Amino acid sequence: MDNLNAGELNMSVSAICVNDKGEKYAFVTFSDGVRVAEGKIPECKLLKNSGFAQIEAKELEKYMQEHLKELKKMAANVDIFSAFKGK
């Protein structure tokens, strides 16, 4: 079986984080069930890559750059407390 066709590529975006300098950032995770890569915005650079070819990793970074505005909006809308509601 070809791992490149293992499944649909899923993406998730973390809530906004703030470092000790007050700079905002978020993490973007790409996974197809076999391979996983994690990037950081607004830098649009991958921090971790397990299974994606170098050219695919560059395409994921390019995707983050081209969709940075939307990714920032997604991160801003993540409600980290929603998992605890109703318990």
Protein backbone atom coordinates (compact mmCIF):
# COMPACT_ATOMS: atom_id res chain seq x y z
CA MET A 1 0.00 0.00 0.00
CA ASP A 2 1.26 3.45 -0.90
CA ASN A 3 1.41 5.68 2.19
CA LEU A 4 0.90 8.77 0.03
CA ASN A 5 -2.67 7.60 -0.56
CA ALA A 6 -3.32 6.48 3.01
CA GLY A 7 -6.23 8.86 3.47
CA GLU A 8 -7.53 12.36 3.50
CA LEU A 9 -5.22 15.05 4.83
CA ASN A 10 -6.69 16.57 7.98
CA MET A 11 -5.65 19.86 9.52
CA SER A 12 -6.21 21.21 13.01
CA VAL A 13 -5.30 24.56 14.53
CA SER A 14 -4.53 25.23 18.19
CA ALA A 15 -5.78 28.10 20.26
CA ILE A 16 -3.62 31.24 20.28
CA CYS A 17 -0.65 31.05 22.63
CA VAL A 18 1.45 33.95 23.94
CA ASN A 19 5.16 33.70 24.73
CA ASP A 20 7.01 35.60 27.46
CA LYS A 21 7.64 38.48 25.02
CA GLY A 22 3.92 38.89 24.38
CA GLU A 23 4.14 37.47 20.86
CA LYS A 24 1.14 35.47 19.68
CA TYR A 25 1.46 32.15 17.86
CA ALA A 26 -0.50 28.98 17.16
CA PHE A 27 0.22 25.45 16.00
CA VAL A 28 -1.13 23.83 12.84
CA THR A 29 -1.15 20.04 12.61
CA PHE A 30 -1.48 18.09 9.36
CA SER A 31 -2.21 14.36 9.42
CA ASP A 32 -3.47 11.67 7.07
CA GLY A 33 -3.63 8.88 9.63
CA VAL A 34 -0.11 7.70 8.79
CA ARG A 35 1.99 10.84 8.54
CA VAL A 36 1.95 13.86 10.87
CA ALA A 37 3.51 17.31 10.61
CA GLU A 38 3.24 20.22 13.02
CA GLY A 39 3.88 23.82 12.04
CA LYS A 40 3.83 27.15 13.81
CA ILE A 41 2.18 30.35 12.66
CA PRO A 42 2.85 33.18 11.94
CA GLU A 43 6.32 31.82 11.09
CA CYS A 44 4.74 29.25 8.75
CA LYS A 45 7.52 26.76 9.45
CA LEU A 46 7.22 23.07 10.28
CA LEU A 47 8.58 22.14 13.70
CA LYS A 48 7.96 18.39 13.39
CA ASN A 49 7.59 16.08 10.41
CA SER A 50 6.98 12.37 10.54
CA GLY A 51 6.56 10.80 7.12
CA PHE A 52 6.07 13.70 4.72
CA ALA A 53 8.64 13.97 1.92
CA GLN A 54 10.75 17.15 1.85
CA ILE A 55 8.82 18.53 -1.12
CA GLU A 56 5.51 17.83 0.68
CA ALA A 57 6.81 19.57 3.80
CA LYS A 58 7.63 22.65 1.71
CA GLU A 59 4.10 22.55 0.26
CA LEU A 60 2.62 22.47 3.78
CA GLU A 61 4.70 25.53 4.71
CA LYS A 62 3.57 27.25 1.52
CA TYR A 63 -0.04 26.41 2.40
CA MET A 64 0.38 28.02 5.83
CA GLN A 65 1.85 31.16 4.22
CA GLU A 66 -0.91 31.42 1.62
CA HIS A 67 -3.69 30.84 4.18
CA LEU A 68 -2.17 32.64 7.17
CA LYS A 69 -5.07 35.06 7.55
CA GLU A 70 -7.63 32.23 7.67
CA LEU A 71 -5.45 30.13 10.00
CA LYS A 72 -5.14 33.06 12.42
CA LYS A 73 -8.94 33.44 12.41
CA MET A 74 -9.33 29.71 13.08
CA ALA A 75 -6.91 29.91 16.02
CA ALA A 76 -8.74 32.93 17.44
CA ASN A 77 -12.01 30.98 17.36
CA VAL A 78 -10.70 27.91 19.21
CA ASP A 79 -12.45 27.66 22.56
CA ILE A 80 -10.11 25.64 24.74
CA PHE A 81 -12.73 25.42 27.49
CA SER A 82 -15.44 23.90 25.25
CA ALA A 83 -14.10 20.43 26.09
CA PHE A 84 -15.03 21.02 29.74
CA LYS A 85 -18.51 22.43 29.17
CA GLY A 86 -21.40 20.28 30.23
CA LYS A 87 -19.35 18.09 32.57
